[in-house]
C-alpha cells in the first residue's frame, strides 16, 4: 500500500493546481498526505487488527481531522455520526482507500468480497463498489504476476470499464471528477501505459483532475506490478512526511503476510 500513499503525497500539491505534463518535481515543501492516505492506513489497521471498520475509520478521522485538502462533505459528516450509515456514494473514496485489500488475501474471490465490504459502509452505490473492487483486483492480479493485457481484459470484462484509451487521448479534456467511474479507469490506464512505478505516478498526475486520488490508485497498482522498483529514497520520504503513528501501521502491514514476502529484499 506504500505505492498508494506515495501517489497521494506526490499528487497532493496538484489536486487544486493541475499540471498537464509528466515533467514536474515529485516533492515540494507543500507535499503532504491527504485523506486518501489516512483512510488507506485505516483499512490496513482494520485488516491487521479487526473490529468495526466504520469505527476504525471514524477514529482515524477524529485523530487526523484536517488533512491537506480536507475530507469530502458527505464523508466528513459520516465521520462524525453516532450511528454512521452508507449514503449511496459513487465517489472515488472507496477506490482510494482499498489498496491494502489487494495485498491481504490469497484468492481473488475473497479480495473482491472484502473490497466490497470496505466500500459499502459509505459507498454502497454500484459504481462505488465497482471502483473499489476493480482497484483491489488489479493489485491482486499484479502481485500474482499477471500481465498488463490480462489485467486490462479482466477489468474491462468484469467491470465494464473502457481501458483502450491512452493518456494522451484523455488528458486534453479531462477535468476534476470525483466519481469512481470518472477516476478509476483513468488511473488504471495510467498504470497500464507506464514503464515504471514513477512513470505511473507521473502519468496519473499529468491527466489533471483529482490528482492525488488518481496517483493513489495508480500507485497502489503499480507498486504490485513493478516488483522491487520503488526507490528506497521515496519510501524514506513517506516516512518523513507521515505522522509516526501512521507510519507505524504502514510498517506493521509491510511485515505481514504477502506484503512481507514481496518486500523481503527492500
Protein backbone atom coordinates (compact mmCIF):
# COMPACT_ATOMS: atom_id res chain seq x y z
CA UNK A 1 0.00 0.00 0.00
CA UNK A 2 3.00 2.28 0.24
CA UNK A 3 2.71 2.92 -3.50
CA UNK A 4 -0.78 4.33 -2.95
CA UNK A 5 0.46 6.59 -0.16
CA UNK A 6 3.35 7.78 -2.30
CA UNK A 7 0.97 8.61 -5.13
CA UNK A 8 -1.27 10.52 -2.76
CA UNK A 9 1.62 12.57 -1.35
CA UNK A 10 3.10 13.38 -4.76
CA UNK A 11 -0.33 14.32 -6.14
CA UNK A 12 -1.35 16.37 -3.12
CA UNK A 13 0.01 19.69 -4.40
CA UNK A 14 -1.58 19.25 -7.84
CA UNK A 15 -5.15 18.40 -6.80
CA UNK A 16 -6.28 22.02 -6.97
CA UNK A 17 -3.48 23.18 -9.23
CA UNK A 18 -3.48 20.68 -12.08
CA UNK A 19 -0.44 20.11 -14.23
CA UNK A 20 -0.82 18.55 -17.68
CA UNK A 21 2.70 17.23 -18.12
CA UNK A 22 4.87 14.45 -16.71
CA UNK A 23 7.69 16.91 -16.09
CA UNK A 24 7.31 18.11 -12.51
CA UNK A 25 9.08 17.69 -9.15
CA UNK A 26 7.87 14.73 -7.16
CA UNK A 27 8.00 16.60 -3.87
CA UNK A 28 7.91 20.16 -2.65
CA UNK A 29 7.77 21.84 0.76
CA UNK A 30 3.97 21.68 0.48
CA UNK A 31 3.76 17.95 -0.22
CA UNK A 32 1.68 16.13 2.39
CA UNK A 33 -0.61 13.18 2.90
CA UNK A 34 -4.34 13.66 2.39
CA UNK A 35 -7.49 11.83 3.43
CA UNK A 36 -6.54 9.19 0.84
CA UNK A 37 -3.53 8.07 2.89
CA UNK A 38 -5.32 8.35 6.22
CA UNK A 39 -8.19 6.10 5.14
CA UNK A 40 -5.86 3.69 3.34
CA UNK A 41 -3.98 3.24 6.60
CA UNK A 42 -7.27 2.91 8.49
CA UNK A 43 -8.24 -0.01 6.22
CA UNK A 44 -4.82 -1.60 6.75
CA UNK A 45 -5.23 -1.23 10.53
CA UNK A 46 -8.65 -2.92 10.33
CA UNK A 47 -7.27 -5.80 8.25
CA UNK A 48 -4.49 -6.32 10.78
CA UNK A 49 -6.49 -5.98 13.98
CA UNK A 50 -10.16 -6.45 13.11
CA UNK A 51 -13.07 -4.64 14.69
CA UNK A 52 -15.77 -2.43 13.22
CA UNK A 53 -14.37 -0.78 10.09
CA UNK A 54 -16.68 2.22 10.37
CA UNK A 55 -15.50 2.88 13.92
CA UNK A 56 -11.86 2.42 12.90
CA UNK A 57 -12.26 4.95 10.10
CA UNK A 58 -14.09 7.38 12.39
CA UNK A 59 -11.28 7.06 14.92
CA UNK A 60 -8.70 7.97 12.28
CA UNK A 61 -10.84 10.82 11.03
CA UNK A 62 -11.13 12.29 14.51
CA UNK A 63 -7.43 11.82 15.21
CA UNK A 64 -6.49 13.47 11.90
CA UNK A 65 -9.35 15.94 11.32
CA UNK A 66 -7.62 18.39 8.99
CA UNK A 67 -5.57 16.63 6.32
CA UNK A 68 -4.36 18.56 3.31
CA UNK A 69 -7.42 19.18 1.11
CA UNK A 70 -9.81 18.13 3.87
CA UNK A 71 -12.48 15.45 3.71
CA UNK A 72 -15.38 15.45 1.26
CA UNK A 73 -18.55 17.00 2.65
CA UNK A 74 -20.67 13.84 2.90
CA UNK A 75 -17.77 11.78 4.24
CA UNK A 76 -16.91 14.46 6.80
CA UNK A 77 -20.47 14.30 8.12
CA UNK A 78 -20.32 10.49 8.16
CA UNK A 79 -17.12 10.62 10.23
CA UNK A 80 -18.96 12.49 12.97
CA UNK A 81 -22.20 10.49 13.08
CA UNK A 82 -23.01 8.44 16.17
CA UNK A 83 -24.53 5.69 14.03
CA UNK A 84 -22.88 6.04 10.61
CA UNK A 85 -24.84 4.71 7.67
CA UNK A 86 -23.91 4.36 3.99
CA UNK A 87 -25.03 7.28 1.83
CA UNK A 88 -25.14 5.72 -1.64
CA UNK A 89 -21.94 7.40 -2.77
CA UNK A 90 -20.37 6.67 -6.14
CA UNK A 91 -17.35 8.83 -5.28
CA UNK A 92 -13.75 7.72 -5.68
CA UNK A 93 -13.16 7.49 -1.92
CA UNK A 94 -13.96 3.78 -1.98
CA UNK A 95 -11.19 3.16 -4.52
CA UNK A 96 -8.54 5.35 -2.96
CA UNK A 97 -8.61 3.52 0.41
CA UNK A 98 -8.83 -0.09 -0.81
CA UNK A 99 -5.23 -0.91 -1.78
CA UNK A 100 -4.37 -2.93 1.39
CA UNK A 101 -7.16 -5.38 0.49
CA UNK A 102 -5.39 -6.24 -2.76
CA UNK A 103 -2.41 -7.49 -0.74
CA UNK A 104 -4.08 -9.30 2.11
CA UNK A 105 -5.84 -12.34 0.70
CA UNK A 106 -4.91 -15.49 -1.18
CA UNK A 107 -7.87 -15.61 -3.54
CA UNK A 108 -9.42 -13.18 -5.96
CA UNK A 109 -12.88 -14.09 -4.67
CA UNK A 110 -12.05 -13.04 -1.11
CA UNK A 111 -10.28 -9.93 -2.37
CA UNK A 112 -13.41 -8.85 -4.25
CA UNK A 113 -15.68 -9.65 -1.30
CA UNK A 114 -13.64 -7.65 1.20
CA UNK A 115 -13.17 -4.78 -1.25
CA UNK A 116 -16.96 -4.57 -1.39
CA UNK A 117 -17.09 -4.68 2.40
CA UNK A 118 -14.73 -1.71 2.67
CA UNK A 119 -16.81 0.23 0.15
CA UNK A 120 -20.38 -0.31 1.30
CA UNK A 121 -20.05 1.26 4.72
CA UNK A 122 -20.19 4.57 2.85
CA UNK A 123 -20.14 3.91 -0.92
CA UNK A 124 -22.99 1.45 -1.39
CA UNK A 125 -23.83 2.73 -4.86
CA UNK A 126 -22.94 0.09 -7.51
CA UNK A 127 -20.31 2.38 -9.03
CA UNK A 128 -18.69 2.97 -5.64
CA UNK A 129 -18.48 -0.77 -5.04
CA UNK A 130 -17.21 -1.42 -8.57
CA UNK A 131 -14.41 1.14 -8.22
CA UNK A 132 -13.12 -0.46 -5.03
CA UNK A 133 -13.31 -3.96 -6.45
CA UNK A 134 -11.60 -3.05 -9.72
CA UNK A 135 -8.72 -1.39 -7.88
CA UNK A 136 -8.23 -4.26 -5.44
CA UNK A 137 -8.48 -6.81 -8.25
CA UNK A 138 -5.82 -5.04 -10.30
CA UNK A 139 -3.47 -5.12 -7.31
CA UNK A 140 -4.20 -8.78 -6.59
CA UNK A 141 -3.61 -9.77 -10.23
CA UNK A 142 -0.43 -7.69 -10.44
CA UNK A 143 1.12 -9.24 -7.36
CA UNK A 144 0.26 -12.65 -8.79
CA UNK A 145 2.32 -11.78 -11.87
CA UNK A 146 -0.48 -11.41 -14.39
CA UNK A 147 0.39 -9.42 -17.50
CA UNK A 148 -0.95 -5.97 -18.21
CA UNK A 149 -3.04 -7.35 -21.06
CA UNK A 150 -4.55 -9.95 -18.74
CA UNK A 151 -5.34 -7.25 -16.18
CA UNK A 152 -6.82 -4.98 -18.86
CA UNK A 153 -9.06 -7.73 -20.21
CA UNK A 154 -10.20 -8.85 -16.75
CA UNK A 155 -11.08 -5.33 -15.60
CA UNK A 156 -12.85 -4.46 -18.84
CA UNK A 157 -14.83 -7.71 -18.89
CA UNK A 158 -15.70 -7.76 -15.20
CA UNK A 159 -16.35 -4.09 -14.55
CA UNK A 160 -17.22 -2.71 -17.98
CA UNK A 161 -14.53 -0.02 -17.92
CA UNK A 162 -13.08 1.24 -21.19
CA UNK A 163 -9.34 0.76 -20.83
CA UNK A 164 -8.47 1.06 -24.52
CA UNK A 165 -7.90 4.79 -24.39
CA UNK A 166 -4.49 6.43 -23.95
CA UNK A 167 -3.35 9.12 -21.54
CA UNK A 168 -2.72 11.43 -24.48
CA UNK A 169 -6.33 10.96 -25.58
CA UNK A 170 -7.72 11.51 -22.08
CA UNK A 171 -5.56 14.44 -20.97
CA UNK A 172 -6.76 17.41 -23.08
CA UNK A 173 -10.41 17.36 -22.00
CA UNK A 174 -10.06 15.68 -18.61
CA UNK A 175 -11.15 17.73 -15.61
CA UNK A 176 -11.74 17.19 -11.90
CA UNK A 177 -14.04 14.20 -11.46
CA UNK A 178 -14.86 12.87 -8.01
CA UNK A 179 -16.69 9.76 -9.22
CA UNK A 180 -15.31 6.24 -9.31
CA UNK A 181 -16.44 5.86 -12.92
CA UNK A 182 -14.55 9.03 -13.87
CA UNK A 183 -11.39 8.26 -11.88
CA UNK A 184 -10.68 4.54 -11.58
CA UNK A 185 -10.49 3.72 -15.32
CA UNK A 186 -8.18 6.69 -15.92
CA UNK A 187 -5.91 5.68 -13.03
CA UNK A 188 -5.73 2.10 -14.30
CA UNK A 189 -4.92 3.36 -17.81
CA UNK A 190 -2.03 5.40 -16.37
CA UNK A 191 -0.69 2.21 -14.78
CA UNK A 192 -1.19 0.16 -17.97
CA UNK A 193 0.63 2.75 -20.08
CA UNK A 194 3.53 3.22 -17.67
CA UNK A 195 7.02 1.78 -17.91
CA UNK A 196 7.96 2.10 -14.22
CA UNK A 197 6.46 2.88 -10.84
CA UNK A 198 7.45 6.52 -11.03
CA UNK A 199 6.16 6.78 -14.60
CA UNK A 200 2.73 5.52 -13.45
CA UNK A 201 2.59 8.27 -10.83
CA UNK A 202 3.65 10.92 -13.31
CA UNK A 203 1.17 9.78 -15.95
CA UNK A 204 -1.71 9.75 -13.47
CA UNK A 205 -0.95 13.26 -12.23
CA UNK A 206 -0.42 14.56 -15.76
CA UNK A 207 -4.07 13.84 -16.54
CA UNK A 208 -5.16 16.64 -14.21
CA UNK A 209 -8.38 16.19 -12.30
CA UNK A 210 -8.31 14.71 -8.79
CA UNK A 211 -4.56 14.30 -8.95
CA UNK A 212 -3.85 12.84 -5.53
CA UNK A 213 -6.55 10.18 -5.87
CA UNK A 214 -5.60 9.29 -9.44
CA UNK A 215 -1.99 8.83 -8.35
CA UNK A 216 -3.04 6.99 -5.19
CA UNK A 217 -4.96 4.40 -7.21
CA UNK A 218 -2.36 4.14 -9.98
CA UNK A 219 0.47 3.98 -7.45
CA UNK A 220 -1.16 1.20 -5.49
CA UNK A 221 -1.44 -0.95 -8.60
CA UNK A 222 1.99 0.00 -9.97
CA UNK A 223 3.69 -0.96 -6.71
CA UNK A 224 2.44 -4.53 -7.03
CA UNK A 225 3.44 -4.80 -10.70
CA UNK A 226 6.91 -3.20 -10.69
CA UNK A 227 8.49 -5.52 -8.21
CA UNK A 228 11.28 -4.03 -6.06
CA UNK A 229 11.42 -0.92 -8.26
CA UNK A 230 10.26 1.77 -5.84
CA UNK A 231 13.46 3.65 -4.98
CA UNK A 232 14.36 3.45 -1.31
CA UNK A 233 14.66 7.23 -1.05
CA UNK A 234 10.96 7.54 -1.99
CA UNK A 235 9.97 5.13 0.78
CA UNK A 236 12.05 7.13 3.26
CA UNK A 237 10.33 10.30 2.06
CA UNK A 238 6.98 8.77 3.02
CA UNK A 239 8.38 8.03 6.47
CA UNK A 240 9.44 11.65 6.95
CA UNK A 241 6.05 13.03 5.84
CA UNK A 242 3.67 10.69 7.66
CA UNK A 243 2.94 11.10 11.36
CA UNK A 244 4.77 8.44 13.43
CA UNK A 245 1.52 6.66 14.35
CA UNK A 246 0.56 6.39 10.68
CA UNK A 247 4.00 5.17 9.66
CA UNK A 248 3.87 2.55 12.43
CA UNK A 249 0.80 0.96 10.81
CA UNK A 250 2.47 1.08 7.39
CA UNK A 251 5.47 -0.75 8.80
CA UNK A 252 3.29 -3.30 10.57
CA UNK A 253 1.42 -4.00 7.35
CA UNK A 254 4.68 -4.30 5.41
CA UNK A 255 5.77 -7.01 7.86
CA UNK A 256 2.60 -9.03 7.47
CA UNK A 257 1.79 -11.94 5.16
CA UNK A 258 2.09 -11.46 1.41
CA UNK A 259 3.36 -7.93 1.78
CA UNK A 260 6.33 -9.13 3.83
CA UNK A 261 7.18 -11.67 1.14
CA UNK A 262 7.00 -9.02 -1.56
CA UNK A 263 9.22 -6.54 0.31
CA UNK A 264 11.68 -9.07 1.77
CA UNK A 265 14.60 -7.70 -0.25
CA UNK A 266 13.89 -4.00 0.31
